[in-house]
Amino acid sequence: MSMLLVGHNHNYERTYPMAYQTPTSLEQEHYEDPEGWIELISGGGGQGLYSFKHPDDFLPYSASHEHAHHHTNLELDGDTVTVRAERALFQPGEIFDQFTLVESEDPVAKTATEPSTQVAR
């Protein structure tokens, strides 16, 4: 699957499919063999939540973001994963983000990176 799952940050955010720091699709709910990967940050449990800046400050690659205690469910069925983010407090069980990712091709060949021309100093 072309998805990176990350925790730690105490909030929820999901990117559009990304390649070379650029969204490859602005679709919100269904991705079939996307070019690039989706990063999903799900850290809405435990301690206090981190604040988001003003919504106009979100970068163009942010497909969804939520300031809420939550949990994220992944349902796998063959080459398809359905992701649902649900509130854990204040309207528990309410789904605030949902999407489906279908990966029927080899994602490694599609998302290979180009060699860097920059030198680390």
C-alpha atoms as a PDB file:
ATOM      1  CA  MET A   1       0.000   0.000   0.000  1.00  0.00           C
ATOM      2  CA  SER A   2       1.114   3.531  -0.685  1.00  0.00           C
ATOM      3  CA  MET A   3       0.562   4.842   2.816  1.00  0.00           C
ATOM      4  CA  LEU A   4       2.791   5.905   5.684  1.00  0.00           C
ATOM      5  CA  LEU A   5       1.201   5.651   9.150  1.00  0.00           C
ATOM      6  CA  VAL A   6       2.655   7.963  11.789  1.00  0.00           C
ATOM      7  CA  GLY A   7       1.766   8.656  15.424  1.00  0.00           C
ATOM      8  CA  HIS A   8       3.339  10.908  18.059  1.00  0.00           C
ATOM      9  CA  ASN A   9       1.783  14.253  17.003  1.00  0.00           C
ATOM     10  CA  HIS A  10      -1.341  14.696  19.122  1.00  0.00           C
ATOM     11  CA  ASN A  11      -3.812  15.444  16.346  1.00  0.00           C
ATOM     12  CA  TYR A  12      -5.015  13.989  13.015  1.00  0.00           C
ATOM     13  CA  GLU A  13      -3.835  14.902   9.545  1.00  0.00           C
ATOM     14  CA  ARG A  14      -3.845  13.149   6.181  1.00  0.00           C
ATOM     15  CA  THR A  15      -2.102  14.239   3.024  1.00  0.00           C
ATOM     16  CA  TYR A  16      -3.211  13.850  -0.549  1.00  0.00           C
ATOM     17  CA  PRO A  17      -1.073  11.332  -2.470  1.00  0.00           C
ATOM     18  CA  MET A  18       2.376  12.925  -2.691  1.00  0.00           C
ATOM     19  CA  ALA A  19       5.375  12.560  -5.011  1.00  0.00           C
ATOM     20  CA  TYR A  20       8.414  14.819  -4.872  1.00  0.00           C
ATOM     21  CA  GLN A  21       6.713  17.092  -2.280  1.00  0.00           C
ATOM     22  CA  THR A  22       3.736  17.729  -4.594  1.00  0.00           C
ATOM     23  CA  PRO A  23       0.153  16.410  -4.458  1.00  0.00           C
ATOM     24  CA  THR A  24      -0.550  14.074  -7.386  1.00  0.00           C
ATOM     25  CA  SER A  25      -4.342  14.043  -6.847  1.00  0.00           C
ATOM     26  CA  LEU A  26      -6.850  16.244  -5.031  1.00  0.00           C
ATOM     27  CA  GLU A  27      -9.366  13.397  -4.683  1.00  0.00           C
ATOM     28  CA  GLN A  28     -10.757  13.193  -1.125  1.00  0.00           C
ATOM     29  CA  GLU A  29     -12.242   9.703  -0.688  1.00  0.00           C
ATOM     30  CA  HIS A  30     -11.032   7.092  -3.197  1.00  0.00           C
ATOM     31  CA  TYR A  31      -7.506   6.454  -4.432  1.00  0.00           C
ATOM     32  CA  GLU A  32      -6.812   3.724  -6.968  1.00  0.00           C
ATOM     33  CA  ASP A  33      -3.136   3.041  -7.694  1.00  0.00           C
ATOM     34  CA  PRO A  34      -2.164   6.551  -6.636  1.00  0.00           C
ATOM     35  CA  GLU A  35       1.064   8.048  -7.828  1.00  0.00           C
ATOM     36  CA  GLY A  36       3.073   8.606  -4.670  1.00  0.00           C
ATOM     37  CA  TRP A  37       2.044   7.945  -1.066  1.00  0.00           C
ATOM     38  CA  ILE A  38      -0.434   9.171   1.541  1.00  0.00           C
ATOM     39  CA  GLU A  39       0.886  10.153   4.973  1.00  0.00           C
ATOM     40  CA  LEU A  40      -1.570   9.666   7.823  1.00  0.00           C
ATOM     41  CA  ILE A  41      -0.806  11.126  11.248  1.00  0.00           C
ATOM     42  CA  SER A  42      -3.040   9.627  13.921  1.00  0.00           C
ATOM     43  CA  GLY A  43      -2.076  10.640  17.445  1.00  0.00           C
ATOM     44  CA  GLY A  44      -5.337  11.565  19.111  1.00  0.00           C
ATOM     45  CA  GLY A  45      -5.093   9.402  22.209  1.00  0.00           C
ATOM     46  CA  GLY A  46      -3.475   9.902  25.563  1.00  0.00           C
ATOM     47  CA  GLN A  47      -2.245  13.303  26.652  1.00  0.00           C
ATOM     48  CA  GLY A  48      -3.474  16.724  25.454  1.00  0.00           C
ATOM     49  CA  LEU A  49      -3.878  17.586  21.789  1.00  0.00           C
ATOM     50  CA  TYR A  50      -1.519  19.832  19.854  1.00  0.00           C
ATOM     51  CA  SER A  51      -3.034  23.007  18.456  1.00  0.00           C
ATOM     52  CA  PHE A  52      -3.349  23.627  14.743  1.00  0.00           C
ATOM     53  CA  LYS A  53      -2.669  27.030  13.287  1.00  0.00           C
ATOM     54  CA  HIS A  54      -5.439  28.925  11.534  1.00  0.00           C
ATOM     55  CA  PRO A  55      -7.007  26.695   8.812  1.00  0.00           C
ATOM     56  CA  ASP A  56      -5.792  29.038   6.067  1.00  0.00           C
ATOM     57  CA  ASP A  57      -2.237  28.144   7.109  1.00  0.00           C
ATOM     58  CA  PHE A  58      -2.585  24.497   6.059  1.00  0.00           C
ATOM     59  CA  LEU A  59      -0.347  23.531   3.210  1.00  0.00           C
ATOM     60  CA  PRO A  60      -1.870  22.475  -0.115  1.00  0.00           C
ATOM     61  CA  TYR A  61      -1.006  18.823   0.520  1.00  0.00           C
ATOM     62  CA  SER A  62      -3.309  18.535   3.575  1.00  0.00           C
ATOM     63  CA  ALA A  63      -6.425  16.546   2.555  1.00  0.00           C
ATOM     64  CA  SER A  64      -7.908  16.323   6.065  1.00  0.00           C
ATOM     65  CA  HIS A  65      -7.048  17.521   9.560  1.00  0.00           C
ATOM     66  CA  GLU A  66      -8.861  17.399  12.887  1.00  0.00           C
ATOM     67  CA  HIS A  67      -8.166  18.619  16.404  1.00  0.00           C
ATOM     68  CA  ALA A  68      -9.860  15.801  18.332  1.00  0.00           C
ATOM     69  CA  HIS A  69      -9.185  12.784  20.509  1.00  0.00           C
ATOM     70  CA  HIS A  70      -9.720   9.913  18.110  1.00  0.00           C
ATOM     71  CA  HIS A  71      -8.799   6.460  16.904  1.00  0.00           C
ATOM     72  CA  THR A  72      -8.208   5.292  13.356  1.00  0.00           C
ATOM     73  CA  ASN A  73      -9.541   1.997  11.993  1.00  0.00           C
ATOM     74  CA  LEU A  74      -7.995   0.246   8.994  1.00  0.00           C
ATOM     75  CA  GLU A  75     -10.044  -2.458   7.298  1.00  0.00           C
ATOM     76  CA  LEU A  76      -8.012  -4.630   4.901  1.00  0.00           C
ATOM     77  CA  ASP A  77      -9.669  -6.599   2.114  1.00  0.00           C
ATOM     78  CA  GLY A  78      -7.282  -7.973  -0.527  1.00  0.00           C
ATOM     79  CA  ASP A  79      -5.678  -5.033  -2.320  1.00  0.00           C
ATOM     80  CA  THR A  80      -8.010  -2.496  -0.672  1.00  0.00           C
ATOM     81  CA  VAL A  81      -7.742  -0.676   2.658  1.00  0.00           C
ATOM     82  CA  THR A  82     -10.576   1.444   4.022  1.00  0.00           C
ATOM     83  CA  VAL A  83      -9.546   3.986   6.649  1.00  0.00           C
ATOM     84  CA  ARG A  84     -11.985   5.584   9.096  1.00  0.00           C
ATOM     85  CA  ALA A  85     -11.031   8.166  11.707  1.00  0.00           C
ATOM     86  CA  GLU A  86     -13.551   8.339  14.575  1.00  0.00           C
ATOM     87  CA  ARG A  87     -13.925  10.670  17.524  1.00  0.00           C
ATOM     88  CA  ALA A  88     -13.185   9.090  20.904  1.00  0.00           C
ATOM     89  CA  LEU A  89     -14.676  11.915  23.043  1.00  0.00           C
ATOM     90  CA  PHE A  90     -17.454  14.445  22.441  1.00  0.00           C
ATOM     91  CA  GLN A  91     -19.618  12.559  19.918  1.00  0.00           C
ATOM     92  CA  PRO A  92     -17.724   9.239  20.205  1.00  0.00           C
ATOM     93  CA  GLY A  93     -17.933   7.067  17.117  1.00  0.00           C
ATOM     94  CA  GLU A  94     -18.585   9.988  14.768  1.00  0.00           C
ATOM     95  CA  ILE A  95     -16.498   9.480  11.595  1.00  0.00           C
ATOM     96  CA  PHE A  96     -14.708  12.693  10.649  1.00  0.00           C
ATOM     97  CA  ASP A  97     -12.487  11.292   7.880  1.00  0.00           C
ATOM     98  CA  GLN A  98     -12.818   8.249   5.647  1.00  0.00           C
ATOM     99  CA  PHE A  99     -11.069   7.103   2.490  1.00  0.00           C
ATOM    100  CA  THR A 100     -10.321   3.990   0.459  1.00  0.00           C
ATOM    101  CA  LEU A 101      -6.968   3.068  -1.050  1.00  0.00           C
ATOM    102  CA  VAL A 102      -6.708   0.383  -3.751  1.00  0.00           C
ATOM    103  CA  GLU A 103      -3.220  -0.781  -4.714  1.00  0.00           C
ATOM    104  CA  SER A 104      -3.349  -3.265  -7.582  1.00  0.00           C
ATOM    105  CA  GLU A 105       0.074  -2.442  -9.035  1.00  0.00           C
ATOM    106  CA  ASP A 106       3.601  -2.695  -7.628  1.00  0.00           C
ATOM    107  CA  PRO A 107       4.018   0.622  -5.749  1.00  0.00           C
ATOM    108  CA  VAL A 108       7.805   0.399  -5.604  1.00  0.00           C
ATOM    109  CA  ALA A 109       8.201   0.835  -9.345  1.00  0.00           C
ATOM    110  CA  LYS A 110       5.797   3.807  -9.393  1.00  0.00           C
ATOM    111  CA  THR A 111       7.318   5.795  -6.527  1.00  0.00           C
ATOM    112  CA  ALA A 112      11.043   5.266  -7.012  1.00  0.00           C
ATOM    113  CA  THR A 113      12.909   8.430  -6.077  1.00  0.00           C
ATOM    114  CA  GLU A 114      15.384  10.256  -8.226  1.00  0.00           C
ATOM    115  CA  PRO A 115      18.986  10.507  -6.989  1.00  0.00           C
ATOM    116  CA  SER A 116      19.741  13.679  -5.102  1.00  0.00           C
ATOM    117  CA  THR A 117      21.990  16.299  -6.657  1.00  0.00           C
ATOM    118  CA  GLN A 118      22.419  18.179  -3.378  1.00  0.00           C
ATOM    119  CA  VAL A 119      25.453  17.738  -1.162  1.00  0.00           C
ATOM    120  CA  ALA A 120      24.918  17.652   2.608  1.00  0.00           C
ATOM    121  CA  ARG A 121      27.131  20.054   4.498  1.00  0.00           C
END
